[in-house]
Amino acid sequence: MLVWDNHACMPLRPQDVSFMEQLQWHYTHGTDVVMLNVGFGDDSVEAHLRMLATFRAWLTARPGQYRLIRSVADIHAARAAGQLAVGFDIEGANAIGDQLSLIELYRDLGVCWMLLAYNQNNRAGGGCQDDDLGLTAFGRAMLEEMARVGMIGCCSHTGYRTAREAIDASPTPLIFSHSNPRALFEHPRNIPDDLIRACAARGGVIGINGIGLFLGGNDASPANVARHILYVADLVGIDHVGIGLDFIHDRHDIDVFLTANPDKFPPHLGYGAGMSMMSPAELPALAAELQARGMAAAELAAVLGGNWLRVAEQVWRN
């Protein structure tokens, strides 16, 4: 069955590819598709483009192992050739500044989905850790342009009001690429049941992340990830839950960054060094856990990749 991890993080240091060989962890442990983050939050347009250039150059120099994703056909071709299919994602509208035409450029470069906001307010709308005033006119125009060029919109890290308004306003289904249910653990980064229902009602998918802080108890075990997956499946159906582990390959880098930026990652919300996270190497254990809890093979195939593929087939322009 197709296995698709919708969010992974390499160090965002242009021309530093020292961790890139770790992408093979995903493939070695059975993953077929990975979405690799190229920027977040306050990162500039230049920073996003420099990371895209860095990652694309490294990947295209290794055609036997990797295939860049531009369309659904690339995913099928990569599986047939024994390659890991790699696409890109962006966390927040700061990546486009005030220039909507950058969305098509990013899509041409392989960006498959993009957030509206990352924790804090921006030109498009509100962040989940800020005073969310709702989706702006620019945010609505952004959703229209994303739909036009075939890029999936994402509401992870986005504030409640903005996410709710975006789900209603978007011409295409939106996703929560890496967000967990707030009913199981109270945290601003997690999402309440009514947002999960609204996303599913429009055909979207909620990707469960493997970050212990958002799973509860700093427990990133496959069993705890499975608990969140099954909660969403029971709430809105098996067709609306997937995987977006948010695994960070440079653990030292994230520990330093979180400690150095308490304004963006407040310690009182649990941020800090030592956050546990589920590794892509544990995906087989997650699959076994879900099967042990009664998930049938067809349901497992939907969760591990089929649901992301369905949204891609609907939104991407092939």
C-alpha atoms as a PDB file:
ATOM      1  CA  MET A   1       0.000   0.000   0.000  1.00  0.00           C
ATOM      2  CA  LEU A   2       1.059   3.588  -0.622  1.00  0.00           C
ATOM      3  CA  VAL A   3       2.704   5.224   2.427  1.00  0.00           C
ATOM      4  CA  TRP A   4       2.724   9.037   2.440  1.00  0.00           C
ATOM      5  CA  ASP A   5       4.209  11.197   5.219  1.00  0.00           C
ATOM      6  CA  ASN A   6       2.852  14.675   4.566  1.00  0.00           C
ATOM      7  CA  HIS A   7       5.385  16.708   6.564  1.00  0.00           C
ATOM      8  CA  ALA A   8       9.077  16.248   7.385  1.00  0.00           C
ATOM      9  CA  CYS A   9      11.727  18.808   8.341  1.00  0.00           C
ATOM     10  CA  MET A  10      15.358  19.097   7.361  1.00  0.00           C
ATOM     11  CA  PRO A  11      17.610  21.935   8.620  1.00  0.00           C
ATOM     12  CA  LEU A  12      16.737  25.154   6.785  1.00  0.00           C
ATOM     13  CA  ARG A  13      20.293  26.247   6.098  1.00  0.00           C
ATOM     14  CA  PRO A  14      20.897  27.071   2.416  1.00  0.00           C
ATOM     15  CA  GLN A  15      23.594  24.896   0.843  1.00  0.00           C
ATOM     16  CA  ASP A  16      23.825  22.729   3.970  1.00  0.00           C
ATOM     17  CA  VAL A  17      22.823  19.228   2.886  1.00  0.00           C
ATOM     18  CA  SER A  18      24.530  17.373   5.725  1.00  0.00           C
ATOM     19  CA  PHE A  19      21.289  15.728   6.863  1.00  0.00           C
ATOM     20  CA  MET A  20      19.808  14.955   3.465  1.00  0.00           C
ATOM     21  CA  GLU A  21      21.029  11.365   3.374  1.00  0.00           C
ATOM     22  CA  GLN A  22      18.613  10.741   6.245  1.00  0.00           C
ATOM     23  CA  LEU A  23      15.771  10.974   3.735  1.00  0.00           C
ATOM     24  CA  GLN A  24      16.566   7.345   3.002  1.00  0.00           C
ATOM     25  CA  TRP A  25      15.248   6.489   6.485  1.00  0.00           C
ATOM     26  CA  HIS A  26      11.798   7.140   5.097  1.00  0.00           C
ATOM     27  CA  TYR A  27      12.226   4.874   2.099  1.00  0.00           C
ATOM     28  CA  THR A  28      14.059   2.128   3.992  1.00  0.00           C
ATOM     29  CA  HIS A  29      11.160   1.817   6.427  1.00  0.00           C
ATOM     30  CA  GLY A  30       8.496   1.666   3.749  1.00  0.00           C
ATOM     31  CA  THR A  31       7.544   5.280   2.980  1.00  0.00           C
ATOM     32  CA  ASP A  32       6.834   6.112  -0.672  1.00  0.00           C
ATOM     33  CA  VAL A  33       6.051   9.856  -0.501  1.00  0.00           C
ATOM     34  CA  VAL A  34       7.506  12.603   1.709  1.00  0.00           C
ATOM     35  CA  MET A  35       6.646  16.286   1.790  1.00  0.00           C
ATOM     36  CA  LEU A  36       9.721  18.260   2.845  1.00  0.00           C
ATOM     37  CA  ASN A  37       9.373  21.656   4.484  1.00  0.00           C
ATOM     38  CA  VAL A  38      11.254  24.555   2.840  1.00  0.00           C
ATOM     39  CA  GLY A  39      10.337  27.406   5.190  1.00  0.00           C
ATOM     40  CA  PHE A  40       8.047  28.620   7.966  1.00  0.00           C
ATOM     41  CA  GLY A  41       6.862  31.590   9.954  1.00  0.00           C
ATOM     42  CA  ASP A  42       8.870  34.758   9.390  1.00  0.00           C
ATOM     43  CA  ASP A  43      11.232  33.263   6.804  1.00  0.00           C
ATOM     44  CA  SER A  44      11.638  35.599   3.833  1.00  0.00           C
ATOM     45  CA  VAL A  45      10.789  34.972   0.198  1.00  0.00           C
ATOM     46  CA  GLU A  46      14.517  34.691  -0.490  1.00  0.00           C
ATOM     47  CA  ALA A  47      14.984  32.138   2.292  1.00  0.00           C
ATOM     48  CA  HIS A  48      12.236  29.909   0.834  1.00  0.00           C
ATOM     49  CA  LEU A  49      13.665  30.103  -2.669  1.00  0.00           C
ATOM     50  CA  ARG A  50      17.196  29.387  -1.467  1.00  0.00           C
ATOM     51  CA  MET A  51      16.043  26.272   0.368  1.00  0.00           C
ATOM     52  CA  LEU A  52      14.071  25.094  -2.643  1.00  0.00           C
ATOM     53  CA  ALA A  53      17.162  25.512  -4.792  1.00  0.00           C
ATOM     54  CA  THR A  54      19.291  23.630  -2.242  1.00  0.00           C
ATOM     55  CA  PHE A  55      16.929  20.683  -1.892  1.00  0.00           C
ATOM     56  CA  ARG A  56      16.074  20.448  -5.589  1.00  0.00           C
ATOM     57  CA  ALA A  57      19.741  20.414  -6.626  1.00  0.00           C
ATOM     58  CA  TRP A  58      20.589  17.655  -4.147  1.00  0.00           C
ATOM     59  CA  LEU A  59      17.593  15.509  -5.102  1.00  0.00           C
ATOM     60  CA  THR A  60      17.920  15.849  -8.873  1.00  0.00           C
ATOM     61  CA  ALA A  61      21.582  14.846  -8.622  1.00  0.00           C
ATOM     62  CA  ARG A  62      20.384  11.429  -7.332  1.00  0.00           C
ATOM     63  CA  PRO A  63      17.815  10.254  -9.895  1.00  0.00           C
ATOM     64  CA  GLY A  64      18.204   6.625  -8.944  1.00  0.00           C
ATOM     65  CA  GLN A  65      16.928   7.268  -5.409  1.00  0.00           C
ATOM     66  CA  TYR A  66      14.563  10.240  -5.648  1.00  0.00           C
ATOM     67  CA  ARG A  67      11.921  11.734  -7.906  1.00  0.00           C
ATOM     68  CA  LEU A  68      10.600  15.285  -7.513  1.00  0.00           C
ATOM     69  CA  ILE A  69       6.819  15.469  -7.421  1.00  0.00           C
ATOM     70  CA  ARG A  70       5.023  17.722  -9.843  1.00  0.00           C
ATOM     71  CA  SER A  71       1.936  15.561 -10.402  1.00  0.00           C
ATOM     72  CA  VAL A  72       0.229  12.416  -9.165  1.00  0.00           C
ATOM     73  CA  ALA A  73       1.828  10.593 -12.095  1.00  0.00           C
ATOM     74  CA  ASP A  74       5.248  11.243 -10.538  1.00  0.00           C
ATOM     75  CA  ILE A  75       4.184   9.352  -7.412  1.00  0.00           C
ATOM     76  CA  HIS A  76       3.186   6.283  -9.417  1.00  0.00           C
ATOM     77  CA  ALA A  77       6.351   6.502 -11.518  1.00  0.00           C
ATOM     78  CA  ALA A  78       8.530   6.742  -8.404  1.00  0.00           C
ATOM     79  CA  ARG A  79       6.958   3.646  -6.885  1.00  0.00           C
ATOM     80  CA  ALA A  80       7.463   1.724 -10.109  1.00  0.00           C
ATOM     81  CA  ALA A  81      11.132   2.783 -10.248  1.00  0.00           C
ATOM     82  CA  GLY A  82      11.917   2.149  -6.580  1.00  0.00           C
ATOM     83  CA  GLN A  83      12.404   5.849  -5.809  1.00  0.00           C
ATOM     84  CA  LEU A  84      11.282   8.012  -2.899  1.00  0.00           C
ATOM     85  CA  ALA A  85       8.872  10.658  -4.231  1.00  0.00           C
ATOM     86  CA  VAL A  86       9.612  14.054  -2.662  1.00  0.00           C
ATOM     87  CA  GLY A  87       7.468  17.179  -2.742  1.00  0.00           C
ATOM     88  CA  PHE A  88       7.738  20.400  -0.768  1.00  0.00           C
ATOM     89  CA  ASP A  89       5.586  22.371   1.645  1.00  0.00           C
ATOM     90  CA  ILE A  90       5.585  25.897   3.075  1.00  0.00           C
ATOM     91  CA  GLU A  91       4.371  26.879   6.542  1.00  0.00           C
ATOM     92  CA  GLY A  92       2.817  30.314   6.250  1.00  0.00           C
ATOM     93  CA  ALA A  93       1.887  33.061   3.818  1.00  0.00           C
ATOM     94  CA  ASN A  94       4.993  35.110   4.605  1.00  0.00           C
ATOM     95  CA  ALA A  95       6.614  33.054   1.862  1.00  0.00           C
ATOM     96  CA  ILE A  96       4.769  35.127  -0.737  1.00  0.00           C
ATOM     97  CA  GLY A  97       5.007  38.533   0.931  1.00  0.00           C
ATOM     98  CA  ASP A  98       2.414  40.716  -0.817  1.00  0.00           C
ATOM     99  CA  GLN A  99       2.847  39.006  -4.206  1.00  0.00           C
ATOM    100  CA  LEU A 100       0.203  36.403  -5.071  1.00  0.00           C
ATOM    101  CA  SER A 101       1.976  35.511  -8.322  1.00  0.00           C
ATOM    102  CA  LEU A 102       4.692  33.789  -6.271  1.00  0.00           C
ATOM    103  CA  ILE A 103       2.210  30.991  -5.538  1.00  0.00           C
ATOM    104  CA  GLU A 104       2.400  29.713  -9.110  1.00  0.00           C
ATOM    105  CA  LEU A 105       6.191  29.918  -9.061  1.00  0.00           C
ATOM    106  CA  TYR A 106       6.338  27.840  -5.887  1.00  0.00           C
ATOM    107  CA  ARG A 107       3.935  25.316  -7.410  1.00  0.00           C
ATOM    108  CA  ASP A 108       6.140  25.051 -10.493  1.00  0.00           C
ATOM    109  CA  LEU A 109       9.092  24.358  -8.193  1.00  0.00           C
ATOM    110  CA  GLY A 110       7.277  21.481  -6.498  1.00  0.00           C
ATOM    111  CA  VAL A 111       5.508  23.043  -3.507  1.00  0.00           C
ATOM    112  CA  CYS A 112       2.429  20.875  -3.031  1.00  0.00           C
ATOM    113  CA  TRP A 113       0.752  22.528  -0.043  1.00  0.00           C
ATOM    114  CA  MET A 114       1.057  25.756   1.942  1.00  0.00           C
ATOM    115  CA  LEU A 115      -0.218  27.041   5.285  1.00  0.00           C
ATOM    116  CA  LEU A 116      -2.098  30.283   5.692  1.00  0.00           C
ATOM    117  CA  ALA A 117      -0.438  31.232   9.001  1.00  0.00           C
ATOM    118  CA  TYR A 118       2.211  29.812  11.315  1.00  0.00           C
ATOM    119  CA  ASN A 119       1.218  30.320  14.978  1.00  0.00           C
ATOM    120  CA  GLN A 120       1.095  34.118  14.658  1.00  0.00           C
ATOM    121  CA  ASN A 121      -0.980  36.557  12.601  1.00  0.00           C
ATOM    122  CA  ASN A 122       0.135  37.559   9.136  1.00  0.00           C
ATOM    123  CA  ARG A 123      -1.254  39.143   5.965  1.00  0.00           C
ATOM    124  CA  ALA A 124      -3.534  36.150   5.240  1.00  0.00           C
ATOM    125  CA  GLY A 125      -5.096  35.601   8.644  1.00  0.00           C
ATOM    126  CA  GLY A 126      -4.626  34.575  12.249  1.00  0.00           C
ATOM    127  CA  GLY A 127      -2.282  32.121  13.914  1.00  0.00           C
ATOM    128  CA  CYS A 128      -3.264  29.591  16.552  1.00  0.00           C
ATOM    129  CA  GLN A 129      -1.192  31.342  19.259  1.00  0.00           C
ATOM    130  CA  ASP A 130      -2.327  34.880  18.442  1.00  0.00           C
ATOM    131  CA  ASP A 131      -5.455  37.032  18.630  1.00  0.00           C
ATOM    132  CA  ASP A 132      -7.081  35.632  15.496  1.00  0.00           C
ATOM    133  CA  LEU A 133      -9.125  38.299  13.667  1.00  0.00           C
ATOM    134  CA  GLY A 134     -10.109  35.973  10.835  1.00  0.00           C
ATOM    135  CA  LEU A 135      -9.324  35.366   7.181  1.00  0.00           C
ATOM    136  CA  THR A 136      -8.342  38.577   5.390  1.00  0.00           C
ATOM    137  CA  ALA A 137      -9.155  39.683   1.858  1.00  0.00           C
ATOM    138  CA  PHE A 138      -5.578  38.782   0.946  1.00  0.00           C
ATOM    139  CA  GLY A 139      -6.079  35.333   2.469  1.00  0.00           C
ATOM    140  CA  ARG A 140      -9.196  34.795   0.358  1.00  0.00           C
ATOM    141  CA  ALA A 141      -7.321  35.846  -2.775  1.00  0.00           C
ATOM    142  CA  MET A 142      -4.522  33.503  -1.784  1.00  0.00           C
ATOM    143  CA  LEU A 143      -6.937  30.556  -1.561  1.00  0.00           C
ATOM    144  CA  GLU A 144      -8.360  31.397  -4.978  1.00  0.00           C
ATOM    145  CA  GLU A 145      -4.888  31.502  -6.519  1.00  0.00           C
ATOM    146  CA  MET A 146      -3.828  28.277  -4.849  1.00  0.00           C
ATOM    147  CA  ALA A 147      -6.891  26.551  -6.250  1.00  0.00           C
ATOM    148  CA  ARG A 148      -6.181  27.967  -9.701  1.00  0.00           C
ATOM    149  CA  VAL A 149      -2.592  26.678  -9.846  1.00  0.00           C
ATOM    150  CA  GLY A 150      -3.300  23.374  -8.104  1.00  0.00           C
ATOM    151  CA  MET A 151      -1.738  23.867  -4.681  1.00  0.00           C
ATOM    152  CA  ILE A 152      -3.417  22.459  -1.579  1.00  0.00           C
ATOM    153  CA  GLY A 153      -4.206  24.908   1.217  1.00  0.00           C
ATOM    154  CA  CYS A 154      -3.455  23.925   4.810  1.00  0.00           C
ATOM    155  CA  CYS A 155      -4.793  25.180   8.152  1.00  0.00           C
ATOM    156  CA  SER A 156      -2.320  23.611  10.587  1.00  0.00           C
ATOM    157  CA  HIS A 157      -0.822  26.273  12.905  1.00  0.00           C
ATOM    158  CA  THR A 158      -3.711  28.567  11.852  1.00  0.00           C
ATOM    159  CA  GLY A 159      -6.122  30.216  14.278  1.00  0.00           C
ATOM    160  CA  TYR A 160      -9.614  28.837  14.807  1.00  0.00           C
ATOM    161  CA  ARG A 161     -11.581  31.659  13.169  1.00  0.00           C
ATOM    162  CA  THR A 162      -9.255  31.903  10.171  1.00  0.00           C
ATOM    163  CA  ALA A 163      -9.302  28.133   9.663  1.00  0.00           C
ATOM    164  CA  ARG A 164     -13.095  27.987   9.851  1.00  0.00           C
ATOM    165  CA  GLU A 165     -13.520  30.848   7.391  1.00  0.00           C
ATOM    166  CA  ALA A 166     -10.859  29.422   5.063  1.00  0.00           C
ATOM    167  CA  ILE A 167     -12.541  26.009   4.922  1.00  0.00           C
ATOM    168  CA  ASP A 168     -15.775  27.710   3.853  1.00  0.00           C
ATOM    169  CA  ALA A 169     -14.109  30.095   1.392  1.00  0.00           C
ATOM    170  CA  SER A 170     -11.724  27.744  -0.392  1.00  0.00           C
ATOM    171  CA  PRO A 171     -12.775  26.517  -3.861  1.00  0.00           C
ATOM    172  CA  THR A 172     -11.038  23.198  -3.107  1.00  0.00           C
ATOM    173  CA  PRO A 173     -10.711  20.969  -0.022  1.00  0.00           C
ATOM    174  CA  LEU A 174      -8.280  22.184   2.620  1.00  0.00           C
ATOM    175  CA  ILE A 175      -6.198  19.992   4.895  1.00  0.00           C
ATOM    176  CA  PHE A 176      -4.685  20.043   8.352  1.00  0.00           C
ATOM    177  CA  SER A 177      -1.357  18.555   7.303  1.00  0.00           C
ATOM    178  CA  HIS A 178      -0.055  17.895  10.824  1.00  0.00           C
ATOM    179  CA  SER A 179      -2.607  18.650  13.557  1.00  0.00           C
ATOM    180  CA  ASN A 180      -3.992  16.500  16.362  1.00  0.00           C
ATOM    181  CA  PRO A 181      -7.440  16.511  18.030  1.00  0.00           C
ATOM    182  CA  ARG A 182      -7.799  18.885  20.943  1.00  0.00           C
ATOM    183  CA  ALA A 183     -10.336  16.557  22.539  1.00  0.00           C
ATOM    184  CA  LEU A 184      -7.456  14.213  23.403  1.00  0.00           C
ATOM    185  CA  PHE A 185      -4.980  16.872  24.503  1.00  0.00           C
ATOM    186  CA  GLU A 186      -5.590  20.561  25.138  1.00  0.00           C
ATOM    187  CA  HIS A 187      -3.084  22.728  23.269  1.00  0.00           C
ATOM    188  CA  PRO A 188      -3.496  25.733  20.914  1.00  0.00           C
ATOM    189  CA  ARG A 189      -1.789  23.749  18.140  1.00  0.00           C
ATOM    190  CA  ASN A 190      -4.437  21.033  18.332  1.00  0.00           C
ATOM    191  CA  ILE A 191      -7.836  21.415  16.693  1.00  0.00           C
ATOM    192  CA  PRO A 192     -11.359  21.059  18.107  1.00  0.00           C
ATOM    193  CA  ASP A 193     -13.925  18.589  16.825  1.00  0.00           C
ATOM    194  CA  ASP A 194     -15.950  21.160  14.893  1.00  0.00           C
ATOM    195  CA  LEU A 195     -12.915  22.109  12.771  1.00  0.00           C
ATOM    196  CA  ILE A 196     -12.232  18.433  12.111  1.00  0.00           C
ATOM    197  CA  ARG A 197     -15.854  17.970  11.026  1.00  0.00           C
ATOM    198  CA  ALA A 198     -15.799  21.086   8.834  1.00  0.00           C
ATOM    199  CA  CYS A 199     -12.581  20.004   7.118  1.00  0.00           C
ATOM    200  CA  ALA A 200     -13.937  16.510   6.474  1.00  0.00           C
ATOM    201  CA  ALA A 201     -17.279  17.821   5.210  1.00  0.00           C
ATOM    202  CA  ARG A 202     -15.431  19.647   2.408  1.00  0.00           C
ATOM    203  CA  GLY A 203     -13.436  16.529   1.518  1.00  0.00           C
ATOM    204  CA  GLY A 204     -10.282  17.395   3.446  1.00  0.00           C
ATOM    205  CA  VAL A 205      -7.908  15.272   5.518  1.00  0.00           C
ATOM    206  CA  ILE A 206      -6.443  15.696   9.010  1.00  0.00           C
ATOM    207  CA  GLY A 207      -2.823  14.553   9.244  1.00  0.00           C
ATOM    208  CA  ILE A 208      -1.830  13.311  12.690  1.00  0.00           C
ATOM    209  CA  ASN A 209       1.637  14.409  13.776  1.00  0.00           C
ATOM    210  CA  GLY A 210       4.107  12.481  15.883  1.00  0.00           C
ATOM    211  CA  ILE A 211       5.149  15.282  18.263  1.00  0.00           C
ATOM    212  CA  GLY A 212       4.830  14.254  21.911  1.00  0.00           C
ATOM    213  CA  LEU A 213       3.885  17.767  23.037  1.00  0.00           C
ATOM    214  CA  PHE A 214       0.736  17.658  20.885  1.00  0.00           C
ATOM    215  CA  LEU A 215      -0.037  13.991  21.506  1.00  0.00           C
ATOM    216  CA  GLY A 216      -0.045  14.464  25.280  1.00  0.00           C
ATOM    217  CA  GLY A 217       2.393  13.500  28.016  1.00  0.00           C
ATOM    218  CA  ASN A 218       5.355  14.049  25.684  1.00  0.00           C
ATOM    219  CA  ASP A 219       4.544  10.512  24.540  1.00  0.00           C
ATOM    220  CA  ALA A 220       5.346  10.026  20.851  1.00  0.00           C
ATOM    221  CA  SER A 221       4.889   6.266  20.859  1.00  0.00           C
ATOM    222  CA  PRO A 222       3.119   4.565  17.944  1.00  0.00           C
ATOM    223  CA  ALA A 223       0.381   3.616  20.409  1.00  0.00           C
ATOM    224  CA  ASN A 224      -0.326   7.270  21.239  1.00  0.00           C
ATOM    225  CA  VAL A 225      -0.245   8.284  17.554  1.00  0.00           C
ATOM    226  CA  ALA A 226      -2.683   5.456  16.825  1.00  0.00           C
ATOM    227  CA  ARG A 227      -5.001   6.772  19.557  1.00  0.00           C
ATOM    228  CA  HIS A 228      -5.235  10.140  17.782  1.00  0.00           C
ATOM    229  CA  ILE A 229      -5.731   8.545  14.370  1.00  0.00           C
ATOM    230  CA  LEU A 230      -8.561   6.367  15.631  1.00  0.00           C
ATOM    231  CA  TYR A 231     -10.231   9.316  17.351  1.00  0.00           C
ATOM    232  CA  VAL A 232     -10.431  11.255  14.079  1.00  0.00           C
ATOM    233  CA  ALA A 233     -11.507   8.159  12.142  1.00  0.00           C
ATOM    234  CA  ASP A 234     -14.324   7.529  14.617  1.00  0.00           C
ATOM    235  CA  LEU A 235     -15.375  11.189  14.509  1.00  0.00           C
ATOM    236  CA  VAL A 236     -15.483  11.812  10.744  1.00  0.00           C
ATOM    237  CA  GLY A 237     -14.666   8.534   9.002  1.00  0.00           C
ATOM    238  CA  ILE A 238     -11.601   6.690   7.828  1.00  0.00           C
ATOM    239  CA  ASP A 239     -11.416   8.742   4.599  1.00  0.00           C
ATOM    240  CA  HIS A 240     -10.412  11.916   6.429  1.00  0.00           C
ATOM    241  CA  VAL A 241      -7.310  11.024   8.446  1.00  0.00           C
ATOM    242  CA  GLY A 242      -3.688  10.631   7.382  1.00  0.00           C
ATOM    243  CA  ILE A 243      -0.090  10.956   8.585  1.00  0.00           C
ATOM    244  CA  GLY A 244       2.061  14.098   8.797  1.00  0.00           C
ATOM    245  CA  LEU A 245       4.683  13.137  11.353  1.00  0.00           C
ATOM    246  CA  ASP A 246       6.522  16.501  11.457  1.00  0.00           C
ATOM    247  CA  PHE A 247       9.736  14.609  12.185  1.00  0.00           C
ATOM    248  CA  ILE A 248      12.694  16.984  12.610  1.00  0.00           C
ATOM    249  CA  HIS A 249      15.939  15.392  11.461  1.00  0.00           C
ATOM    250  CA  ASP A 250      18.329  17.773  13.258  1.00  0.00           C
ATOM    251  CA  ARG A 251      17.245  17.406  16.877  1.00  0.00           C
ATOM    252  CA  HIS A 252      19.962  19.706  18.226  1.00  0.00           C
ATOM    253  CA  ASP A 253      18.904  22.450  15.806  1.00  0.00           C
ATOM    254  CA  ILE A 254      15.286  22.430  16.972  1.00  0.00           C
ATOM    255  CA  ASP A 255      16.246  22.350  20.660  1.00  0.00           C
ATOM    256  CA  VAL A 256      18.427  25.440  20.187  1.00  0.00           C
ATOM    257  CA  PHE A 257      15.795  27.224  18.087  1.00  0.00           C
ATOM    258  CA  LEU A 258      12.943  26.645  20.543  1.00  0.00           C
ATOM    259  CA  THR A 259      15.051  27.829  23.473  1.00  0.00           C
ATOM    260  CA  ALA A 260      16.184  30.945  21.598  1.00  0.00           C
ATOM    261  CA  ASN A 261      12.679  32.003  20.506  1.00  0.00           C
ATOM    262  CA  PRO A 262      10.370  31.989  23.550  1.00  0.00           C
ATOM    263  CA  ASP A 263       8.218  34.712  21.950  1.00  0.00           C
ATOM    264  CA  LYS A 264       7.254  32.342  19.140  1.00  0.00           C
ATOM    265  CA  PHE A 265       7.365  29.123  21.190  1.00  0.00           C
ATOM    266  CA  PRO A 266       6.330  30.036  24.761  1.00  0.00           C
ATOM    267  CA  PRO A 267       7.669  27.710  27.455  1.00  0.00           C
ATOM    268  CA  HIS A 268       4.304  27.857  29.260  1.00  0.00           C
ATOM    269  CA  LEU A 269       2.804  26.018  26.266  1.00  0.00           C
ATOM    270  CA  GLY A 270       5.309  23.222  26.722  1.00  0.00           C
ATOM    271  CA  TYR A 271       7.864  24.214  24.095  1.00  0.00           C
ATOM    272  CA  GLY A 272      11.502  23.566  24.858  1.00  0.00           C
ATOM    273  CA  ALA A 273      14.380  21.166  24.444  1.00  0.00           C
ATOM    274  CA  GLY A 274      13.697  17.458  24.670  1.00  0.00           C
ATOM    275  CA  MET A 275      10.367  17.183  22.874  1.00  0.00           C
ATOM    276  CA  SER A 276       9.777  13.580  21.870  1.00  0.00           C
ATOM    277  CA  MET A 277       8.787  12.710  18.312  1.00  0.00           C
ATOM    278  CA  MET A 278       7.896   9.576  16.433  1.00  0.00           C
ATOM    279  CA  SER A 279      10.473   8.593  13.821  1.00  0.00           C
ATOM    280  CA  PRO A 280       9.585   7.488  10.270  1.00  0.00           C
ATOM    281  CA  ALA A 281      11.368   4.272  11.234  1.00  0.00           C
ATOM    282  CA  GLU A 282       8.390   3.567  13.518  1.00  0.00           C
ATOM    283  CA  LEU A 283       5.738   3.665  10.790  1.00  0.00           C
ATOM    284  CA  PRO A 284       5.689  -0.154  10.515  1.00  0.00           C
ATOM    285  CA  ALA A 285       5.075  -0.295  14.269  1.00  0.00           C
ATOM    286  CA  LEU A 286       2.252   2.239  13.861  1.00  0.00           C
ATOM    287  CA  ALA A 287       0.679   0.116  11.134  1.00  0.00           C
ATOM    288  CA  ALA A 288       0.903  -2.954  13.388  1.00  0.00           C
ATOM    289  CA  GLU A 289      -0.672  -0.985  16.257  1.00  0.00           C
ATOM    290  CA  LEU A 290      -3.599   0.116  14.093  1.00  0.00           C
ATOM    291  CA  GLN A 291      -4.156  -3.421  12.840  1.00  0.00           C
ATOM    292  CA  ALA A 292      -4.046  -4.758  16.392  1.00  0.00           C
ATOM    293  CA  ARG A 293      -6.784  -2.268  17.279  1.00  0.00           C
ATOM    294  CA  GLY A 294      -9.038  -3.632  14.547  1.00  0.00           C
ATOM    295  CA  MET A 295      -8.209  -1.541  11.478  1.00  0.00           C
ATOM    296  CA  ALA A 296      -8.809  -3.494   8.272  1.00  0.00           C
ATOM    297  CA  ALA A 297      -6.276  -3.529   5.434  1.00  0.00           C
ATOM    298  CA  ALA A 298      -8.341  -1.201   3.214  1.00  0.00           C
ATOM    299  CA  GLU A 299      -8.748   1.263   6.073  1.00  0.00           C
ATOM    300  CA  LEU A 300      -5.035   1.162   6.833  1.00  0.00           C
ATOM    301  CA  ALA A 301      -4.261   1.853   3.175  1.00  0.00           C
ATOM    302  CA  ALA A 302      -6.493   4.926   3.296  1.00  0.00           C
ATOM    303  CA  VAL A 303      -4.812   6.301   6.430  1.00  0.00           C
ATOM    304  CA  LEU A 304      -1.232   5.606   5.401  1.00  0.00           C
ATOM    305  CA  GLY A 305      -1.501   7.264   2.012  1.00  0.00           C
ATOM    306  CA  GLY A 306      -4.706   6.759   0.083  1.00  0.00           C
ATOM    307  CA  ASN A 307      -6.479   9.764   1.568  1.00  0.00           C
ATOM    308  CA  TRP A 308      -3.635  12.155   0.703  1.00  0.00           C
ATOM    309  CA  LEU A 309      -3.582  10.721  -2.807  1.00  0.00           C
ATOM    310  CA  ARG A 310      -7.305  11.397  -3.213  1.00  0.00           C
ATOM    311  CA  VAL A 311      -6.940  15.069  -2.284  1.00  0.00           C
ATOM    312  CA  ALA A 312      -3.919  15.420  -4.578  1.00  0.00           C
ATOM    313  CA  GLU A 313      -5.865  13.919  -7.463  1.00  0.00           C
ATOM    314  CA  GLN A 314      -8.626  16.429  -6.845  1.00  0.00           C
ATOM    315  CA  VAL A 315      -6.540  19.585  -6.333  1.00  0.00           C
ATOM    316  CA  TRP A 316      -3.248  19.230  -8.197  1.00  0.00           C
ATOM    317  CA  ARG A 317      -3.300  20.098 -11.870  1.00  0.00           C
ATOM    318  CA  ASN A 318      -1.584  17.197 -13.625  1.00  0.00           C
END
